PDB file of N, CA and C in Angstrom:
ATOM      1  N   ILE A   1     115.093 102.587 126.344  1.00  0.00           N
ATOM      2  CA  ILE A   1     114.182 102.769 125.131  1.00  0.00           C
ATOM      3  C   ILE A   1     112.828 102.634 125.522  1.00  0.00           C
ATOM      4  N   ARG A   2     111.960 103.567 125.248  1.00  0.00           N
ATOM      5  CA  ARG A   2     110.620 103.579 125.538  1.00  0.00           C
ATOM      6  C   ARG A   2     109.823 103.457 124.132  1.00  0.00           C
ATOM      7  N   VAL A   3     108.760 102.626 124.228  1.00  0.00           N
ATOM      8  CA  VAL A   3     107.990 102.457 123.000  1.00  0.00           C
ATOM      9  C   VAL A   3     106.519 102.654 123.389  1.00  0.00           C
ATOM     10  N   ASN A   4     105.812 103.584 122.692  1.00  0.00           N
ATOM     11  CA  ASN A   4     104.381 103.866 123.065  1.00  0.00           C
ATOM     12  C   ASN A   4     103.758 104.081 121.697  1.00  0.00           C
ATOM     13  N   ALA A   5     102.511 104.195 121.690  1.00  0.00           N
ATOM     14  CA  ALA A   5     101.681 104.495 120.357  1.00  0.00           C
ATOM     15  C   ALA A   5     100.646 105.346 120.759  1.00  0.00           C
ATOM     16  N   ILE A   6     100.078 106.272 119.864  1.00  0.00           N
ATOM     17  CA  ILE A   6      99.076 107.083 119.966  1.00  0.00           C
ATOM     18  C   ILE A   6      98.005 106.542 119.096  1.00  0.00           C
ATOM     19  N   ALA A   7      96.775 106.461 119.575  1.00  0.00           N
ATOM     20  CA  ALA A   7      95.662 105.815 118.762  1.00  0.00           C
ATOM     21  C   ALA A   7      94.563 106.922 118.658  1.00  0.00           C
ATOM     22  N   PRO A   8      94.509 107.741 117.536  1.00  0.00           N
ATOM     23  CA  PRO A   8      93.626 108.753 117.613  1.00  0.00           C
ATOM     24  C   PRO A   8      92.389 108.237 116.928  1.00  0.00           C
ATOM     25  N   ALA A   9      91.291 108.826 117.203  1.00  0.00           N
ATOM     26  CA  ALA A   9      89.744 108.470 116.656  1.00  0.00           C
ATOM     27  C   ALA A   9      89.812 109.517 115.391  1.00  0.00           C
ATOM     28  N   LEU A  10      88.807 109.717 115.026  1.00  0.00           N
ATOM     29  CA  LEU A  10      88.589 110.667 113.868  1.00  0.00           C
ATOM     30  C   LEU A  10      89.059 112.017 113.985  1.00  0.00           C
ATOM     31  N   VAL A  11      90.009 112.446 113.239  1.00  0.00           N
ATOM     32  CA  VAL A  11      90.771 113.681 113.363  1.00  0.00           C
ATOM     33  C   VAL A  11      90.483 114.446 111.916  1.00  0.00           C
ATOM     34  N   GLU A  12      90.282 115.731 112.183  1.00  0.00           N
ATOM     35  CA  GLU A  12      89.946 116.490 110.825  1.00  0.00           C
ATOM     36  C   GLU A  12      91.258 116.831 110.179  1.00  0.00           C
ATOM     37  N   THR A  13      91.436 116.075 108.925  1.00  0.00           N
ATOM     38  CA  THR A  13      92.618 116.303 108.060  1.00  0.00           C
ATOM     39  C   THR A  13      92.112 116.408 106.653  1.00  0.00           C
ATOM     40  N   PRO A  14      92.896 116.524 105.823  1.00  0.00           N
ATOM     41  CA  PRO A  14      92.494 116.394 104.386  1.00  0.00           C
ATOM     42  C   PRO A  14      92.088 114.972 103.910  1.00  0.00           C
ATOM     43  N   MET A  15      92.554 114.043 104.586  1.00  0.00           N
ATOM     44  CA  MET A  15      92.070 112.656 104.302  1.00  0.00           C
ATOM     45  C   MET A  15      90.748 112.400 104.712  1.00  0.00           C
ATOM     46  N   THR A  16      90.275 113.123 105.856  1.00  0.00           N
ATOM     47  CA  THR A  16      88.930 112.730 106.480  1.00  0.00           C
ATOM     48  C   THR A  16      87.972 113.810 106.088  1.00  0.00           C
ATOM     49  N   ALA A  17      88.408 114.908 105.183  1.00  0.00           N
ATOM     50  CA  ALA A  17      87.460 115.897 104.808  1.00  0.00           C
ATOM     51  C   ALA A  17      86.244 115.450 104.081  1.00  0.00           C
ATOM     52  N   PRO A  18      86.305 114.325 103.360  1.00  0.00           N
ATOM     53  CA  PRO A  18      84.980 113.906 102.660  1.00  0.00           C
ATOM     54  C   PRO A  18      83.944 113.327 103.779  1.00  0.00           C
ATOM     55  N   TRP A  19      84.452 112.957 104.923  1.00  0.00           N
ATOM     56  CA  TRP A  19      83.432 112.441 105.912  1.00  0.00           C
ATOM     57  C   TRP A  19      82.952 113.678 106.865  1.00  0.00           C
ATOM     58  N   LEU A  20      83.574 114.857 106.720  1.00  0.00           N
ATOM     59  CA  LEU A  20      83.156 116.033 107.449  1.00  0.00           C
ATOM     60  C   LEU A  20      82.748 117.152 106.304  1.00  0.00           C
ATOM     61  N   ALA A  21      82.318 116.823 105.247  1.00  0.00           N
ATOM     62  CA  ALA A  21      82.088 117.753 104.102  1.00  0.00           C
ATOM     63  C   ALA A  21      80.940 118.775 104.372  1.00  0.00           C
ATOM     64  N   THR A  22      79.856 118.416 105.018  1.00  0.00           N
ATOM     65  CA  THR A  22      78.726 119.187 105.324  1.00  0.00           C
ATOM     66  C   THR A  22      78.592 119.346 106.803  1.00  0.00           C
ATOM     67  N   ASP A  23      77.820 120.279 107.087  1.00  0.00           N
ATOM     68  CA  ASP A  23      77.585 120.534 108.635  1.00  0.00           C
ATOM     69  C   ASP A  23      76.656 119.369 109.242  1.00  0.00           C
ATOM     70  N   ALA A  24      76.032 118.738 108.420  1.00  0.00           N
ATOM     71  CA  ALA A  24      75.214 117.497 108.814  1.00  0.00           C
ATOM     72  C   ALA A  24      76.201 116.360 109.014  1.00  0.00           C
ATOM     73  N   ASP A  25      77.055 116.181 108.207  1.00  0.00           N
ATOM     74  CA  ASP A  25      78.158 115.068 108.319  1.00  0.00           C
ATOM     75  C   ASP A  25      78.841 115.416 109.728  1.00  0.00           C
ATOM     76  N   ARG A  26      79.370 116.641 109.836  1.00  0.00           N
ATOM     77  CA  ARG A  26      80.065 117.062 111.064  1.00  0.00           C
ATOM     78  C   ARG A  26      79.275 116.725 112.311  1.00  0.00           C
ATOM     79  N   ARG A  27      78.051 117.198 112.437  1.00  0.00           N
ATOM     80  CA  ARG A  27      77.206 116.887 113.505  1.00  0.00           C
ATOM     81  C   ARG A  27      76.943 115.451 113.913  1.00  0.00           C
ATOM     82  N   LEU A  28      76.912 114.680 112.782  1.00  0.00           N
ATOM     83  CA  LEU A  28      76.534 113.227 112.982  1.00  0.00           C
ATOM     84  C   LEU A  28      77.832 112.502 113.538  1.00  0.00           C
ATOM     85  N   ARG A  29      78.895 112.873 112.971  1.00  0.00           N
ATOM     86  CA  ARG A  29      80.079 112.225 113.634  1.00  0.00           C
ATOM     87  C   ARG A  29      80.505 112.847 114.880  1.00  0.00           C
ATOM     88  N   ALA A  30      80.447 114.099 115.098  1.00  0.00           N
ATOM     89  CA  ALA A  30      80.601 114.563 116.435  1.00  0.00           C
ATOM     90  C   ALA A  30      79.748 113.967 117.599  1.00  0.00           C
ATOM     91  N   ALA A  31      78.639 113.721 117.069  1.00  0.00           N
ATOM     92  CA  ALA A  31      77.646 113.216 118.232  1.00  0.00           C
ATOM     93  C   ALA A  31      78.120 111.965 118.829  1.00  0.00           C
ATOM     94  N   PHE A  32      79.046 111.191 118.196  1.00  0.00           N
ATOM     95  CA  PHE A  32      79.539 109.889 118.563  1.00  0.00           C
ATOM     96  C   PHE A  32      80.348 110.078 119.788  1.00  0.00           C
ATOM     97  N   TYR A  33      81.038 111.246 120.016  1.00  0.00           N
ATOM     98  CA  TYR A  33      82.104 111.399 120.914  1.00  0.00           C
ATOM     99  C   TYR A  33      81.524 112.231 122.189  1.00  0.00           C
ATOM    100  N   PRO A  34      81.859 111.703 123.351  1.00  0.00           N
ATOM    101  CA  PRO A  34      81.261 112.524 124.555  1.00  0.00           C
ATOM    102  C   PRO A  34      81.652 113.978 124.505  1.00  0.00           C
ATOM    103  N   LEU A  35      82.812 114.269 123.962  1.00  0.00           N
ATOM    104  CA  LEU A  35      83.267 115.650 123.875  1.00  0.00           C
ATOM    105  C   LEU A  35      82.502 116.454 122.876  1.00  0.00           C
ATOM    106  N   ARG A  36      81.684 115.763 122.114  1.00  0.00           N
ATOM    107  CA  ARG A  36      80.836 116.324 120.980  1.00  0.00           C
ATOM    108  C   ARG A  36      81.621 117.196 119.860  1.00  0.00           C
ATOM    109  N   ARG A  37      82.819 116.720 119.508  1.00  0.00           N
ATOM    110  CA  ARG A  37      83.410 117.138 118.387  1.00  0.00           C
ATOM    111  C   ARG A  37      84.557 116.208 117.876  1.00  0.00           C
ATOM    112  N   VAL A  38      84.858 116.332 116.727  1.00  0.00           N
ATOM    113  CA  VAL A  38      85.980 115.370 116.112  1.00  0.00           C
ATOM    114  C   VAL A  38      87.247 115.986 116.562  1.00  0.00           C
ATOM    115  N   GLY A  39      88.267 115.087 116.430  1.00  0.00           N
ATOM    116  CA  GLY A  39      89.660 115.655 116.722  1.00  0.00           C
ATOM    117  C   GLY A  39      90.218 116.683 115.774  1.00  0.00           C
ATOM    118  N   ARG A  40      91.175 117.275 116.295  1.00  0.00           N
ATOM    119  CA  ARG A  40      91.907 118.176 115.448  1.00  0.00           C
ATOM    120  C   ARG A  40      93.485 117.721 115.611  1.00  0.00           C
ATOM    121  N   PRO A  41      94.227 118.004 114.553  1.00  0.00           N
ATOM    122  CA  PRO A  41      95.629 117.817 114.488  1.00  0.00           C
ATOM    123  C   PRO A  41      96.446 118.280 116.052  1.00  0.00           C
ATOM    124  N   PRO A  42      96.070 119.419 116.576  1.00  0.00           N
ATOM    125  CA  PRO A  42      96.779 119.681 117.691  1.00  0.00           C
ATOM    126  C   PRO A  42      96.472 118.751 118.771  1.00  0.00           C
ATOM    127  N   ASP A  43      95.249 118.241 118.799  1.00  0.00           N
ATOM    128  CA  ASP A  43      94.968 117.160 119.854  1.00  0.00           C
ATOM    129  C   ASP A  43      95.963 116.032 119.963  1.00  0.00           C
ATOM    130  N   VAL A  44      96.288 115.506 118.692  1.00  0.00           N
ATOM    131  CA  VAL A  44      97.147 114.358 118.566  1.00  0.00           C
ATOM    132  C   VAL A  44      98.590 114.798 118.885  1.00  0.00           C
ATOM    133  N   ALA A  45      98.966 116.114 118.252  1.00  0.00           N
ATOM    134  CA  ALA A  45     100.193 116.502 118.573  1.00  0.00           C
ATOM    135  C   ALA A  45     100.602 116.671 120.005  1.00  0.00           C
ATOM    136  N   ALA A  46      99.621 117.212 120.698  1.00  0.00           N
ATOM    137  CA  ALA A  46      99.823 117.332 122.338  1.00  0.00           C
ATOM    138  C   ALA A  46     100.113 116.019 122.900  1.00  0.00           C
ATOM    139  N   ALA A  47      99.494 114.988 122.423  1.00  0.00           N
ATOM    140  CA  ALA A  47      99.691 113.720 122.954  1.00  0.00           C
ATOM    141  C   ALA A  47     101.218 113.197 122.735  1.00  0.00           C
ATOM    142  N   ALA A  48     101.614 113.456 121.482  1.00  0.00           N
ATOM    143  CA  ALA A  48     103.022 113.215 121.098  1.00  0.00           C
ATOM    144  C   ALA A  48     103.962 114.009 121.880  1.00  0.00           C
ATOM    145  N   VAL A  49     103.774 115.255 122.157  1.00  0.00           N
ATOM    146  CA  VAL A  49     104.502 116.099 122.921  1.00  0.00           C
ATOM    147  C   VAL A  49     104.695 115.598 124.474  1.00  0.00           C
ATOM    148  N   TYR A  50     103.458 115.099 124.890  1.00  0.00           N
ATOM    149  CA  TYR A  50     103.522 114.401 126.245  1.00  0.00           C
ATOM    150  C   TYR A  50     104.399 113.297 126.417  1.00  0.00           C
ATOM    151  N   LEU A  51     104.234 112.420 125.296  1.00  0.00           N
ATOM    152  CA  LEU A  51     104.981 111.187 125.328  1.00  0.00           C
ATOM    153  C   LEU A  51     106.431 111.391 125.090  1.00  0.00           C
ATOM    154  N   ALA A  52     106.808 112.443 124.405  1.00  0.00           N
ATOM    155  CA  ALA A  52     108.253 112.717 124.286  1.00  0.00           C
ATOM    156  C   ALA A  52     108.873 113.465 125.466  1.00  0.00           C
ATOM    157  N   SER A  53     107.899 113.924 126.437  1.00  0.00           N
ATOM    158  CA  SER A  53     108.440 114.776 127.582  1.00  0.00           C
ATOM    159  C   SER A  53     108.860 113.960 128.764  1.00  0.00           C
ATOM    160  N   ASP A  54     109.626 114.675 129.626  1.00  0.00           N
ATOM    161  CA  ASP A  54     110.068 114.048 130.864  1.00  0.00           C
ATOM    162  C   ASP A  54     109.009 113.569 131.718  1.00  0.00           C
ATOM    163  N   GLU A  55     107.713 114.237 131.516  1.00  0.00           N
ATOM    164  CA  GLU A  55     106.607 113.814 132.480  1.00  0.00           C
ATOM    165  C   GLU A  55     106.207 112.409 132.047  1.00  0.00           C
ATOM    166  N   ALA A  56     106.589 111.855 130.921  1.00  0.00           N
ATOM    167  CA  ALA A  56     106.152 110.493 130.509  1.00  0.00           C
ATOM    168  C   ALA A  56     107.267 109.579 130.728  1.00  0.00           C
ATOM    169  N   ALA A  57     108.188 109.939 131.479  1.00  0.00           N
ATOM    170  CA  ALA A  57     109.349 109.077 131.574  1.00  0.00           C
ATOM    171  C   ALA A  57     109.139 107.649 132.133  1.00  0.00           C
ATOM    172  N   TRP A  58     108.036 107.522 132.791  1.00  0.00           N
ATOM    173  CA  TRP A  58     107.647 106.141 133.293  1.00  0.00           C
ATOM    174  C   TRP A  58     106.573 105.555 132.482  1.00  0.00           C
ATOM    175  N   VAL A  59     106.300 105.962 131.286  1.00  0.00           N
ATOM    176  CA  VAL A  59     105.177 105.443 130.497  1.00  0.00           C
ATOM    177  C   VAL A  59     105.894 104.723 129.281  1.00  0.00           C
ATOM    178  N   SER A  60     105.701 103.313 129.138  1.00  0.00           N
ATOM    179  CA  SER A  60     106.341 102.561 128.112  1.00  0.00           C
ATOM    180  C   SER A  60     105.397 101.509 127.982  1.00  0.00           C
ATOM    181  N   GLY A  61     105.248 101.084 126.652  1.00  0.00           N
ATOM    182  CA  GLY A  61     104.395 100.079 126.271  1.00  0.00           C
ATOM    183  C   GLY A  61     102.999 100.375 126.345  1.00  0.00           C
ATOM    184  N   ALA A  62     102.573 101.734 126.092  1.00  0.00           N
ATOM    185  CA  ALA A  62     101.248 102.215 126.375  1.00  0.00           C
ATOM    186  C   ALA A  62     100.705 102.524 124.939  1.00  0.00           C
ATOM    187  N   VAL A  63      99.356 102.415 124.826  1.00  0.00           N
ATOM    188  CA  VAL A  63      98.626 102.982 123.778  1.00  0.00           C
ATOM    189  C   VAL A  63      97.782 104.136 124.315  1.00  0.00           C
ATOM    190  N   LEU A  64      98.116 105.325 123.780  1.00  0.00           N
ATOM    191  CA  LEU A  64      97.313 106.527 124.475  1.00  0.00           C
ATOM    192  C   LEU A  64      96.189 106.791 123.442  1.00  0.00           C
ATOM    193  N   LEU A  65      94.946 106.567 123.907  1.00  0.00           N
ATOM    194  CA  LEU A  65      93.805 106.855 122.979  1.00  0.00           C
ATOM    195  C   LEU A  65      93.424 108.419 123.044  1.00  0.00           C
ATOM    196  N   VAL A  66      93.476 108.945 121.905  1.00  0.00           N
ATOM    197  CA  VAL A  66      93.127 110.330 121.835  1.00  0.00           C
ATOM    198  C   VAL A  66      91.894 110.345 121.026  1.00  0.00           C
ATOM    199  N   SER A  67      90.773 110.179 121.777  1.00  0.00           N
ATOM    200  CA  SER A  67      89.515 109.798 121.080  1.00  0.00           C
ATOM    201  C   SER A  67      88.215 110.607 121.518  1.00  0.00           C
ATOM    202  N   GLY A  68      88.610 111.735 122.182  1.00  0.00           N
ATOM    203  CA  GLY A  68      87.363 112.474 122.579  1.00  0.00           C
ATOM    204  C   GLY A  68      86.327 111.712 123.658  1.00  0.00           C
ATOM    205  N   GLY A  69      86.853 110.654 124.141  1.00  0.00           N
ATOM    206  CA  GLY A  69      86.144 109.832 124.915  1.00  0.00           C
ATOM    207  C   GLY A  69      85.319 108.668 124.237  1.00  0.00           C
ATOM    208  N   ALA A  70      85.596 108.397 122.987  1.00  0.00           N
ATOM    209  CA  ALA A  70      84.842 107.356 122.288  1.00  0.00           C
ATOM    210  C   ALA A  70      84.782 106.035 122.937  1.00  0.00           C
ATOM    211  N   VAL A  71      85.676 105.750 123.762  1.00  0.00           N
ATOM    212  CA  VAL A  71      85.776 104.353 124.422  1.00  0.00           C
ATOM    213  C   VAL A  71      84.587 104.298 125.420  1.00  0.00           C
ATOM    214  N   MET A  72      83.978 105.532 125.857  1.00  0.00           N
ATOM    215  CA  MET A  72      82.991 105.406 126.793  1.00  0.00           C
ATOM    216  C   MET A  72      81.582 105.269 126.171  1.00  0.00           C
ATOM    217  N   THR A  73      81.568 105.195 124.781  1.00  0.00           N
ATOM    218  CA  THR A  73      80.168 104.986 124.270  1.00  0.00           C
ATOM    219  C   THR A  73      79.833 103.613 124.330  1.00  0.00           C
ATOM    220  N   SER A  74      78.550 103.468 124.573  1.00  0.00           N
ATOM    221  CA  SER A  74      77.880 102.089 124.984  1.00  0.00           C
ATOM    222  C   SER A  74      77.763 101.251 123.736  1.00  0.00           C
ATOM    223  N   ASP A  75      77.602 101.776 122.503  1.00  0.00           N
ATOM    224  CA  ASP A  75      77.359 100.790 121.449  1.00  0.00           C
ATOM    225  C   ASP A  75      78.068 101.564 120.123  1.00  0.00           C
ATOM    226  N   PRO A  76      79.316 101.244 120.054  1.00  0.00           N
ATOM    227  CA  PRO A  76      79.973 101.780 118.911  1.00  0.00           C
ATOM    228  C   PRO A  76      79.510 101.211 117.459  1.00  0.00           C
ATOM    229  N   TYR A  77      79.234  99.840 117.666  1.00  0.00           N
ATOM    230  CA  TYR A  77      78.843  99.153 116.471  1.00  0.00           C
ATOM    231  C   TYR A  77      77.462  99.714 115.843  1.00  0.00           C
ATOM    232  N   ARG A  78      76.445  99.952 116.775  1.00  0.00           N
ATOM    233  CA  ARG A  78      75.153 100.388 116.197  1.00  0.00           C
ATOM    234  C   ARG A  78      75.570 101.923 115.627  1.00  0.00           C
ATOM    235  N   TYR A  79      76.400 102.584 116.182  1.00  0.00           N
ATOM    236  CA  TYR A  79      76.643 104.068 115.602  1.00  0.00           C
ATOM    237  C   TYR A  79      77.314 103.877 114.268  1.00  0.00           C
ATOM    238  N   LEU A  80      78.168 103.061 114.043  1.00  0.00           N
ATOM    239  CA  LEU A  80      78.862 102.712 112.874  1.00  0.00           C
ATOM    240  C   LEU A  80      77.986 102.376 111.823  1.00  0.00           C
ATOM    241  N   MET A  81      77.056 101.480 112.136  1.00  0.00           N
ATOM    242  CA  MET A  81      76.007 100.958 111.306  1.00  0.00           C
ATOM    243  C   MET A  81      75.092 102.266 110.813  1.00  0.00           C
ATOM    244  N   ARG A  82      74.865 103.123 111.739  1.00  0.00           N
ATOM    245  CA  ARG A  82      74.048 104.186 111.297  1.00  0.00           C
ATOM    246  C   ARG A  82      74.724 105.106 110.329  1.00  0.00           C
ATOM    247  N   VAL A  83      76.016 105.450 110.759  1.00  0.00           N
ATOM    248  CA  VAL A  83      76.792 106.247 109.889  1.00  0.00           C
ATOM    249  C   VAL A  83      76.954 105.735 108.526  1.00  0.00           C
ATOM    250  N   ASN A  84      77.253 104.515 108.413  1.00  0.00           N
ATOM    251  CA  ASN A  84      77.493 103.796 107.022  1.00  0.00           C
ATOM    252  C   ASN A  84      76.194 103.753 106.181  1.00  0.00           C
ATOM    253  N   ALA A  85      75.124 103.895 106.832  1.00  0.00           N
ATOM    254  CA  ALA A  85      73.923 103.774 106.152  1.00  0.00           C
ATOM    255  C   ALA A  85      73.532 105.200 105.634  1.00  0.00           C
ATOM    256  N   GLN A  86      74.207 106.301 106.051  1.00  0.00           N
ATOM    257  CA  GLN A  86      73.816 107.482 105.472  1.00  0.00           C
ATOM    258  C   GLN A  86      74.287 107.586 103.932  1.00  0.00           C
ATOM    259  N   PRO A  87      73.521 108.308 103.072  1.00  0.00           N
ATOM    260  CA  PRO A  87      73.862 108.515 101.760  1.00  0.00           C
ATOM    261  C   PRO A  87      75.113 109.108 101.448  1.00  0.00           C
TER     262      PRO A  87
END
C-alpha cells in the first residue's frame, strides 16, 4: 500500500473564481508563480495520474507540490499581505 498526497496551489475552479474574476486579479495572482499562471484542473489531474501509474511504484509517503514553482518565491508572506490588501 502506498500513500501519497497532492498539494496544489491556486487552481482555477468554480470555488476560486472570485479570486480570478478580473484580468487584474488574474495577473496579480499569476505574478506570484514562477510559471506566471495559476493552475488548471488538468495540472492536478496529471499529478494524480502519475502517482497512480507504474512509474510512481517507488513513491510512497510523498507530498507532490503542484504549485507552478511557488515554493521558489522568496517572500510568500509579503506577497500574501499585498494580495489581501487589494479591495
